[in-house]
PDB file of N, CA and C in Angstrom:
ATOM      1  N   MET A   1       0.847  -1.181   0.000  1.00  0.00           N
ATOM      2  CA  MET A   1       0.000   0.000   0.000  1.00  0.00           C
ATOM      3  C   MET A   1       0.891   1.243   0.000  1.00  0.00           C
ATOM      4  N   ALA A   2       0.574   2.161  -0.879  1.00  0.00           N
ATOM      5  CA  ALA A   2       1.335   3.399  -0.974  1.00  0.00           C
ATOM      6  C   ALA A   2       1.008   4.309   0.223  1.00  0.00           C
ATOM      7  N   LYS A   3       1.910   5.245   0.495  1.00  0.00           N
ATOM      8  CA  LYS A   3       1.680   6.177   1.584  1.00  0.00           C
ATOM      9  C   LYS A   3       0.461   7.042   1.267  1.00  0.00           C
ATOM     10  N   LYS A   4      -0.300   7.345   2.281  1.00  0.00           N
ATOM     11  CA  LYS A   4      -1.528   8.122   2.093  1.00  0.00           C
ATOM     12  C   LYS A   4      -1.242   9.521   1.571  1.00  0.00           C
ATOM     13  N   SER A   5      -0.104  10.080   1.944  1.00  0.00           N
ATOM     14  CA  SER A   5       0.241  11.425   1.492  1.00  0.00           C
ATOM     15  C   SER A   5       0.496  11.444  -0.017  1.00  0.00           C
ATOM     16  N   ILE A   6       1.109  10.372  -0.534  1.00  0.00           N
ATOM     17  CA  ILE A   6       1.389  10.306  -1.972  1.00  0.00           C
ATOM     18  C   ILE A   6       0.100  10.106  -2.756  1.00  0.00           C
ATOM     19  N   ILE A   7      -0.799   9.292  -2.215  1.00  0.00           N
ATOM     20  CA  ILE A   7      -2.097   9.067  -2.859  1.00  0.00           C
ATOM     21  C   ILE A   7      -2.883  10.373  -2.889  1.00  0.00           C
ATOM     22  N   ALA A   8      -2.878  11.097  -1.785  1.00  0.00           N
ATOM     23  CA  ALA A   8      -3.606  12.368  -1.699  1.00  0.00           C
ATOM     24  C   ALA A   8      -3.023  13.394  -2.668  1.00  0.00           C
ATOM     25  N   ARG A   9      -1.700  13.416  -2.785  1.00  0.00           N
ATOM     26  CA  ARG A   9      -1.042  14.344  -3.704  1.00  0.00           C
ATOM     27  C   ARG A   9      -1.447  14.049  -5.144  1.00  0.00           C
ATOM     28  N   ASN A  10      -1.522  12.773  -5.474  1.00  0.00           N
ATOM     29  CA  ASN A  10      -1.895  12.376  -6.825  1.00  0.00           C
ATOM     30  C   ASN A  10      -3.348  12.754  -7.125  1.00  0.00           C
ATOM     31  N   GLU A  11      -4.235  12.590  -6.140  1.00  0.00           N
ATOM     32  CA  GLU A  11      -5.639  12.968  -6.321  1.00  0.00           C
ATOM     33  C   GLU A  11      -5.781  14.482  -6.478  1.00  0.00           C
ATOM     34  N   LYS A  12      -4.959  15.225  -5.756  1.00  0.00           N
ATOM     35  CA  LYS A  12      -4.960  16.690  -5.866  1.00  0.00           C
ATOM     36  C   LYS A  12      -4.537  17.107  -7.274  1.00  0.00           C
ATOM     37  N   ARG A  13      -3.538  16.404  -7.823  1.00  0.00           N
ATOM     38  CA  ARG A  13      -3.101  16.666  -9.195  1.00  0.00           C
ATOM     39  C   ARG A  13      -4.222  16.380 -10.182  1.00  0.00           C
ATOM     40  N   LYS A  14      -4.931  15.282  -9.968  1.00  0.00           N
ATOM     41  CA  LYS A  14      -6.028  14.906 -10.873  1.00  0.00           C
ATOM     42  C   LYS A  14      -7.100  15.998 -10.905  1.00  0.00           C
ATOM     43  N   ALA A  15      -7.432  16.536  -9.741  1.00  0.00           N
ATOM     44  CA  ALA A  15      -8.431  17.600  -9.661  1.00  0.00           C
ATOM     45  C   ALA A  15      -7.936  18.863 -10.369  1.00  0.00           C
ATOM     46  N   MET A  16      -6.662  19.176 -10.205  1.00  0.00           N
ATOM     47  CA  MET A  16      -6.093  20.366 -10.827  1.00  0.00           C
ATOM     48  C   MET A  16      -6.037  20.219 -12.346  1.00  0.00           C
ATOM     49  N   ILE A  17      -5.756  19.027 -12.825  1.00  0.00           N
ATOM     50  CA  ILE A  17      -5.726  18.764 -14.269  1.00  0.00           C
ATOM     51  C   ILE A  17      -7.098  19.016 -14.869  1.00  0.00           C
ATOM     52  N   GLU A  18      -8.148  18.528 -14.191  1.00  0.00           N
ATOM     53  CA  GLU A  18      -9.513  18.725 -14.673  1.00  0.00           C
ATOM     54  C   GLU A  18      -9.913  20.198 -14.642  1.00  0.00           C
ATOM     55  N   ARG A  19      -9.467  20.905 -13.610  1.00  0.00           N
ATOM     56  CA  ARG A  19      -9.828  22.312 -13.467  1.00  0.00           C
ATOM     57  C   ARG A  19      -9.216  23.175 -14.573  1.00  0.00           C
ATOM     58  N   TYR A  20      -7.964  22.895 -14.948  1.00  0.00           N
ATOM     59  CA  TYR A  20      -7.263  23.721 -15.929  1.00  0.00           C
ATOM     60  C   TYR A  20      -7.294  23.152 -17.349  1.00  0.00           C
ATOM     61  N   ALA A  21      -8.027  22.069 -17.588  1.00  0.00           N
ATOM     62  CA  ALA A  21      -8.014  21.408 -18.904  1.00  0.00           C
ATOM     63  C   ALA A  21      -8.507  22.339 -20.009  1.00  0.00           C
ATOM     64  N   ALA A  22      -9.598  23.053 -19.782  1.00  0.00           N
ATOM     65  CA  ALA A  22     -10.161  23.941 -20.802  1.00  0.00           C
ATOM     66  C   ALA A  22      -9.206  25.097 -21.106  1.00  0.00           C
ATOM     67  N   LYS A  23      -8.661  25.687 -20.062  1.00  0.00           N
ATOM     68  CA  LYS A  23      -7.737  26.812 -20.246  1.00  0.00           C
ATOM     69  C   LYS A  23      -6.469  26.357 -20.966  1.00  0.00           C
ATOM     70  N   ARG A  24      -5.970  25.170 -20.616  1.00  0.00           N
ATOM     71  CA  ARG A  24      -4.775  24.622 -21.251  1.00  0.00           C
ATOM     72  C   ARG A  24      -5.025  24.367 -22.736  1.00  0.00           C
ATOM     73  N   ALA A  25      -6.191  23.808 -23.068  1.00  0.00           N
ATOM     74  CA  ALA A  25      -6.528  23.537 -24.471  1.00  0.00           C
ATOM     75  C   ALA A  25      -6.644  24.839 -25.262  1.00  0.00           C
ATOM     76  N   GLU A  26      -7.226  25.855 -24.635  1.00  0.00           N
ATOM     77  CA  GLU A  26      -7.380  27.158 -25.292  1.00  0.00           C
ATOM     78  C   GLU A  26      -6.021  27.798 -25.572  1.00  0.00           C
ATOM     79  N   LEU A  27      -5.128  27.753 -24.594  1.00  0.00           N
ATOM     80  CA  LEU A  27      -3.795  28.342 -24.772  1.00  0.00           C
ATOM     81  C   LEU A  27      -2.995  27.586 -25.833  1.00  0.00           C
ATOM     82  N   LYS A  28      -3.147  26.258 -25.884  1.00  0.00           N
ATOM     83  CA  LYS A  28      -2.443  25.472 -26.897  1.00  0.00           C
ATOM     84  C   LYS A  28      -2.953  25.811 -28.287  1.00  0.00           C
ATOM     85  N   GLU A  29      -4.264  25.998 -28.388  1.00  0.00           N
ATOM     86  CA  GLU A  29      -4.863  26.326 -29.679  1.00  0.00           C
ATOM     87  C   GLU A  29      -4.367  27.678 -30.187  1.00  0.00           C
ATOM     88  N   LEU A  30      -4.210  28.639 -29.270  1.00  0.00           N
ATOM     89  CA  LEU A  30      -3.720  29.970 -29.641  1.00  0.00           C
ATOM     90  C   LEU A  30      -2.207  29.984 -29.859  1.00  0.00           C
ATOM     91  N   GLY A  31      -1.524  28.978 -29.353  1.00  0.00           N
ATOM     92  CA  GLY A  31      -0.064  28.939 -29.464  1.00  0.00           C
ATOM     93  C   GLY A  31       0.628  29.827 -28.450  1.00  0.00           C
ATOM     94  N   ASP A  32      -0.077  30.136 -27.368  1.00  0.00           N
ATOM     95  CA  ASP A  32       0.470  31.011 -26.326  1.00  0.00           C
ATOM     96  C   ASP A  32       1.254  30.166 -25.322  1.00  0.00           C
ATOM     97  N   TYR A  33       2.518  29.902 -25.630  1.00  0.00           N
ATOM     98  CA  TYR A  33       3.327  29.055 -24.771  1.00  0.00           C
ATOM     99  C   TYR A  33       3.769  29.777 -23.500  1.00  0.00           C
ATOM    100  N   GLU A  34       3.834  31.095 -23.544  1.00  0.00           N
ATOM    101  CA  GLU A  34       4.158  31.850 -22.328  1.00  0.00           C
ATOM    102  C   GLU A  34       3.016  31.730 -21.318  1.00  0.00           C
ATOM    103  N   GLY A  35       1.793  31.714 -21.828  1.00  0.00           N
ATOM    104  CA  GLY A  35       0.626  31.526 -20.952  1.00  0.00           C
ATOM    105  C   GLY A  35       0.602  30.137 -20.349  1.00  0.00           C
ATOM    106  N   LEU A  36       1.033  29.150 -21.132  1.00  0.00           N
ATOM    107  CA  LEU A  36       1.088  27.773 -20.620  1.00  0.00           C
ATOM    108  C   LEU A  36       2.102  27.647 -19.488  1.00  0.00           C
ATOM    109  N   VAL A  37       3.204  28.388 -19.601  1.00  0.00           N
ATOM    110  CA  VAL A  37       4.240  28.337 -18.573  1.00  0.00           C
ATOM    111  C   VAL A  37       3.716  28.900 -17.254  1.00  0.00           C
ATOM    112  N   ARG A  38       2.807  29.841 -17.322  1.00  0.00           N
ATOM    113  CA  ARG A  38       2.268  30.479 -16.114  1.00  0.00           C
ATOM    114  C   ARG A  38       1.279  29.593 -15.364  1.00  0.00           C
ATOM    115  N   LEU A  39       0.755  28.556 -16.020  1.00  0.00           N
ATOM    116  CA  LEU A  39      -0.173  27.644 -15.343  1.00  0.00           C
ATOM    117  C   LEU A  39       0.584  26.837 -14.283  1.00  0.00           C
ATOM    118  N   PRO A  40      -0.115  26.368 -13.271  1.00  0.00           N
ATOM    119  CA  PRO A  40       0.557  25.561 -12.237  1.00  0.00           C
ATOM    120  C   PRO A  40       1.150  24.278 -12.836  1.00  0.00           C
ATOM    121  N   ARG A  41       2.276  23.856 -12.320  1.00  0.00           N
ATOM    122  CA  ARG A  41       2.939  22.658 -12.841  1.00  0.00           C
ATOM    123  C   ARG A  41       2.068  21.418 -12.703  1.00  0.00           C
ATOM    124  N   ASN A  42       1.366  21.320 -11.587  1.00  0.00           N
ATOM    125  CA  ASN A  42       0.547  20.132 -11.358  1.00  0.00           C
ATOM    126  C   ASN A  42      -0.719  20.101 -12.211  1.00  0.00           C
ATOM    127  N   SER A  43      -0.947  21.114 -13.015  1.00  0.00           N
ATOM    128  CA  SER A  43      -2.100  21.090 -13.917  1.00  0.00           C
ATOM    129  C   SER A  43      -1.754  20.396 -15.232  1.00  0.00           C
ATOM    130  N   SER A  44      -0.505  19.986 -15.398  1.00  0.00           N
ATOM    131  CA  SER A  44      -0.094  19.266 -16.593  1.00  0.00           C
ATOM    132  C   SER A  44      -0.477  17.793 -16.474  1.00  0.00           C
ATOM    133  N   PRO A  45      -1.131  17.226 -17.491  1.00  0.00           N
ATOM    134  CA  PRO A  45      -1.572  15.829 -17.409  1.00  0.00           C
ATOM    135  C   PRO A  45      -0.427  14.824 -17.291  1.00  0.00           C
ATOM    136  N   THR A  46       0.770  15.187 -17.702  1.00  0.00           N
ATOM    137  CA  THR A  46       1.876  14.241 -17.624  1.00  0.00           C
ATOM    138  C   THR A  46       2.371  14.036 -16.200  1.00  0.00           C
ATOM    139  N   ARG A  47       1.971  14.893 -15.283  1.00  0.00           N
ATOM    140  CA  ARG A  47       2.410  14.747 -13.887  1.00  0.00           C
ATOM    141  C   ARG A  47       1.537  13.784 -13.093  1.00  0.00           C
ATOM    142  N   TYR A  48       0.393  13.386 -13.662  1.00  0.00           N
ATOM    143  CA  TYR A  48      -0.492  12.430 -13.000  1.00  0.00           C
ATOM    144  C   TYR A  48       0.073  11.023 -13.147  1.00  0.00           C
ATOM    145  N   LYS A  49       0.060  10.250 -12.076  1.00  0.00           N
ATOM    146  CA  LYS A  49       0.615   8.902 -12.072  1.00  0.00           C
ATOM    147  C   LYS A  49      -0.516   7.886 -11.969  1.00  0.00           C
ATOM    148  N   ASN A  50      -0.550   6.943 -12.929  1.00  0.00           N
ATOM    149  CA  ASN A  50      -1.542   5.876 -12.870  1.00  0.00           C
ATOM    150  C   ASN A  50      -1.244   4.962 -11.696  1.00  0.00           C
ATOM    151  N   ARG A  51      -2.299   4.568 -10.968  1.00  0.00           N
ATOM    152  CA  ARG A  51      -2.124   3.706  -9.807  1.00  0.00           C
ATOM    153  C   ARG A  51      -3.165   2.596  -9.815  1.00  0.00           C
ATOM    154  N   CYS A  52      -2.820   1.482  -9.193  1.00  0.00           N
ATOM    155  CA  CYS A  52      -3.705   0.333  -9.066  1.00  0.00           C
ATOM    156  C   CYS A  52      -4.941   0.745  -8.260  1.00  0.00           C
ATOM    157  N   VAL A  53      -6.099   0.259  -8.677  1.00  0.00           N
ATOM    158  CA  VAL A  53      -7.352   0.587  -8.001  1.00  0.00           C
ATOM    159  C   VAL A  53      -7.383   0.009  -6.590  1.00  0.00           C
ATOM    160  N   GLU A  54      -6.835  -1.183  -6.426  1.00  0.00           N
ATOM    161  CA  GLU A  54      -6.879  -1.857  -5.125  1.00  0.00           C
ATOM    162  C   GLU A  54      -5.762  -1.431  -4.185  1.00  0.00           C
ATOM    163  N   SER A  55      -4.522  -1.612  -4.623  1.00  0.00           N
ATOM    164  CA  SER A  55      -3.387  -1.412  -3.729  1.00  0.00           C
ATOM    165  C   SER A  55      -2.759  -0.030  -3.837  1.00  0.00           C
ATOM    166  N   LYS A  56      -3.159   0.734  -4.829  1.00  0.00           N
ATOM    167  CA  LYS A  56      -2.601   2.071  -5.096  1.00  0.00           C
ATOM    168  C   LYS A  56      -1.131   2.009  -5.485  1.00  0.00           C
ATOM    169  N   ARG A  57      -0.678   0.842  -5.918  1.00  0.00           N
ATOM    170  CA  ARG A  57       0.704   0.652  -6.351  1.00  0.00           C
ATOM    171  C   ARG A  57       0.902   1.337  -7.696  1.00  0.00           C
ATOM    172  N   SER A  58       2.033   2.051  -7.852  1.00  0.00           N
ATOM    173  CA  SER A  58       2.266   2.791  -9.086  1.00  0.00           C
ATOM    174  C   SER A  58       3.089   1.996 -10.090  1.00  0.00           C
ATOM    175  N   ARG A  59       3.939   1.117  -9.604  1.00  0.00           N
ATOM    176  CA  ARG A  59       4.783   0.342 -10.513  1.00  0.00           C
ATOM    177  C   ARG A  59       4.061  -0.920 -10.952  1.00  0.00           C
ATOM    178  N   GLY A  60       4.324  -1.336 -12.169  1.00  0.00           N
ATOM    179  CA  GLY A  60       3.708  -2.551 -12.694  1.00  0.00           C
ATOM    180  C   GLY A  60       2.234  -2.372 -12.971  1.00  0.00           C
ATOM    181  N   TYR A  61       1.825  -1.159 -13.324  1.00  0.00           N
ATOM    182  CA  TYR A  61       0.421  -0.843 -13.583  1.00  0.00           C
ATOM    183  C   TYR A  61       0.028  -1.330 -14.975  1.00  0.00           C
ATOM    184  N   MET A  62      -1.088  -2.039 -15.068  1.00  0.00           N
ATOM    185  CA  MET A  62      -1.600  -2.523 -16.347  1.00  0.00           C
ATOM    186  C   MET A  62      -2.800  -1.664 -16.718  1.00  0.00           C
ATOM    187  N   ARG A  63      -2.622  -0.826 -17.720  1.00  0.00           N
ATOM    188  CA  ARG A  63      -3.624   0.160 -18.101  1.00  0.00           C
ATOM    189  C   ARG A  63      -4.952  -0.476 -18.518  1.00  0.00           C
ATOM    190  N   GLN A  64      -4.876  -1.600 -19.210  1.00  0.00           N
ATOM    191  CA  GLN A  64      -6.072  -2.260 -19.728  1.00  0.00           C
ATOM    192  C   GLN A  64      -7.009  -2.715 -18.602  1.00  0.00           C
ATOM    193  N   PHE A  65      -6.453  -3.060 -17.460  1.00  0.00           N
ATOM    194  CA  PHE A  65      -7.252  -3.581 -16.357  1.00  0.00           C
ATOM    195  C   PHE A  65      -7.337  -2.628 -15.172  1.00  0.00           C
ATOM    196  N   GLY A  66      -6.456  -1.643 -15.112  1.00  0.00           N
ATOM    197  CA  GLY A  66      -6.458  -0.698 -14.004  1.00  0.00           C
ATOM    198  C   GLY A  66      -5.892  -1.294 -12.722  1.00  0.00           C
ATOM    199  N   LEU A  67      -5.114  -2.370 -12.868  1.00  0.00           N
ATOM    200  CA  LEU A  67      -4.551  -3.064 -11.720  1.00  0.00           C
ATOM    201  C   LEU A  67      -3.032  -3.147 -11.835  1.00  0.00           C
ATOM    202  N   SER A  68      -2.389  -3.374 -10.695  1.00  0.00           N
ATOM    203  CA  SER A  68      -0.959  -3.645 -10.729  1.00  0.00           C
ATOM    204  C   SER A  68      -0.769  -5.104 -11.123  1.00  0.00           C
ATOM    205  N   ARG A  69       0.442  -5.466 -11.470  1.00  0.00           N
ATOM    206  CA  ARG A  69       0.723  -6.838 -11.919  1.00  0.00           C
ATOM    207  C   ARG A  69       0.415  -7.857 -10.825  1.00  0.00           C
ATOM    208  N   ILE A  70       0.606  -7.474  -9.581  1.00  0.00           N
ATOM    209  CA  ILE A  70       0.372  -8.384  -8.463  1.00  0.00           C
ATOM    210  C   ILE A  70      -1.121  -8.625  -8.273  1.00  0.00           C
ATOM    211  N   SER A  71      -1.905  -7.547  -8.253  1.00  0.00           N
ATOM    212  CA  SER A  71      -3.354  -7.677  -8.120  1.00  0.00           C
ATOM    213  C   SER A  71      -3.947  -8.407  -9.319  1.00  0.00           C
ATOM    214  N   PHE A  72      -3.420  -8.100 -10.503  1.00  0.00           N
ATOM    215  CA  PHE A  72      -3.899  -8.758 -11.714  1.00  0.00           C
ATOM    216  C   PHE A  72      -3.688 -10.266 -11.623  1.00  0.00           C
ATOM    217  N   ARG A  73      -2.526 -10.672 -11.168  1.00  0.00           N
ATOM    218  CA  ARG A  73      -2.204 -12.101 -11.080  1.00  0.00           C
ATOM    219  C   ARG A  73      -3.126 -12.806 -10.096  1.00  0.00           C
ATOM    220  N   GLU A  74      -3.400 -12.164  -8.969  1.00  0.00           N
ATOM    221  CA  GLU A  74      -4.293 -12.754  -7.971  1.00  0.00           C
ATOM    222  C   GLU A  74      -5.695 -12.947  -8.535  1.00  0.00           C
ATOM    223  N   HIS A  75      -6.224 -11.919  -9.191  1.00  0.00           N
ATOM    224  CA  HIS A  75      -7.573 -12.003  -9.761  1.00  0.00           C
ATOM    225  C   HIS A  75      -7.637 -12.996 -10.914  1.00  0.00           C
ATOM    226  N   ALA A  76      -6.609 -13.016 -11.749  1.00  0.00           N
ATOM    227  CA  ALA A  76      -6.586 -13.923 -12.896  1.00  0.00           C
ATOM    228  C   ALA A  76      -6.513 -15.379 -12.442  1.00  0.00           C
ATOM    229  N   SER A  77      -5.744 -15.655 -11.410  1.00  0.00           N
ATOM    230  CA  SER A  77      -5.613 -17.034 -10.940  1.00  0.00           C
ATOM    231  C   SER A  77      -6.902 -17.531 -10.295  1.00  0.00           C
ATOM    232  N   ARG A  78      -7.701 -16.607  -9.745  1.00  0.00           N
ATOM    233  CA  ARG A  78      -8.999 -16.971  -9.181  1.00  0.00           C
ATOM    234  C   ARG A  78     -10.101 -17.011 -10.244  1.00  0.00           C
ATOM    235  N   GLY A  79      -9.759 -16.562 -11.476  1.00  0.00           N
ATOM    236  CA  GLY A  79     -10.741 -16.577 -12.558  1.00  0.00           C
ATOM    237  C   GLY A  79     -11.736 -15.434 -12.494  1.00  0.00           C
ATOM    238  N   GLU A  80     -11.364 -14.325 -11.890  1.00  0.00           N
ATOM    239  CA  GLU A  80     -12.275 -13.195 -11.707  1.00  0.00           C
ATOM    240  C   GLU A  80     -12.206 -12.178 -12.835  1.00  0.00           C
ATOM    241  N   ILE A  81     -11.247 -12.341 -13.751  1.00  0.00           N
ATOM    242  CA  ILE A  81     -11.124 -11.417 -14.879  1.00  0.00           C
ATOM    243  C   ILE A  81     -11.589 -12.148 -16.136  1.00  0.00           C
ATOM    244  N   PRO A  82     -12.676 -11.687 -16.767  1.00  0.00           N
ATOM    245  CA  PRO A  82     -13.195 -12.392 -17.932  1.00  0.00           C
ATOM    246  C   PRO A  82     -12.227 -12.329 -19.113  1.00  0.00           C
ATOM    247  N   GLY A  83     -12.085 -13.455 -19.801  1.00  0.00           N
ATOM    248  CA  GLY A  83     -11.243 -13.509 -20.981  1.00  0.00           C
ATOM    249  C   GLY A  83      -9.790 -13.797 -20.687  1.00  0.00           C
ATOM    250  N   VAL A  84      -9.408 -13.903 -19.445  1.00  0.00           N
ATOM    251  CA  VAL A  84      -8.022 -14.174 -19.078  1.00  0.00           C
ATOM    252  C   VAL A  84      -7.948 -15.604 -18.541  1.00  0.00           C
ATOM    253  N   THR A  85      -7.101 -16.420 -19.170  1.00  0.00           N
ATOM    254  CA  THR A  85      -6.931 -17.798 -18.723  1.00  0.00           C
ATOM    255  C   THR A  85      -5.469 -18.039 -18.377  1.00  0.00           C
ATOM    256  N   LYS A  86      -5.249 -19.000 -17.508  1.00  0.00           N
ATOM    257  CA  LYS A  86      -3.883 -19.351 -17.125  1.00  0.00           C
ATOM    258  C   LYS A  86      -3.221 -20.069 -18.291  1.00  0.00           C
ATOM    259  N   SER A  87      -2.013 -19.678 -18.582  1.00  0.00           N
ATOM    260  CA  SER A  87      -1.285 -20.264 -19.694  1.00  0.00           C
ATOM    261  C   SER A  87      -0.382 -21.390 -19.223  1.00  0.00           C
ATOM    262  N   SER A  88      -0.295 -22.436 -20.033  1.00  0.00           N
ATOM    263  CA  SER A  88       0.652 -23.505 -19.717  1.00  0.00           C
ATOM    264  C   SER A  88       1.156 -24.095 -21.039  1.00  0.00           C
ATOM    265  N   TRP A  89       2.419 -24.466 -21.080  1.00  0.00           N
ATOM    266  CA  TRP A  89       2.994 -25.049 -22.289  1.00  0.00           C
ATOM    267  C   TRP A  89       4.059 -26.044 -21.945  1.00  0.00           C
TER     268      TRP A  89
END
């Protein structure tokens, strides 16, 4: 489990990204890069970190399922993810 402060920081970034999305798109359309620089750093979508829904783990995140590799493996082995079967050869 990730530290609560890091999770909270990431959620704060997500809210800021949504708040400044329209203004950021408008400035990009106008080509006003000086205006973009004046926006808060955390309003940039690249600063948001994808995290596992269950464990909030940031590393080994699988975008297609929204889970970390560890959580994905647990659910897949129990057969809880449709379309995913255990492989053997």
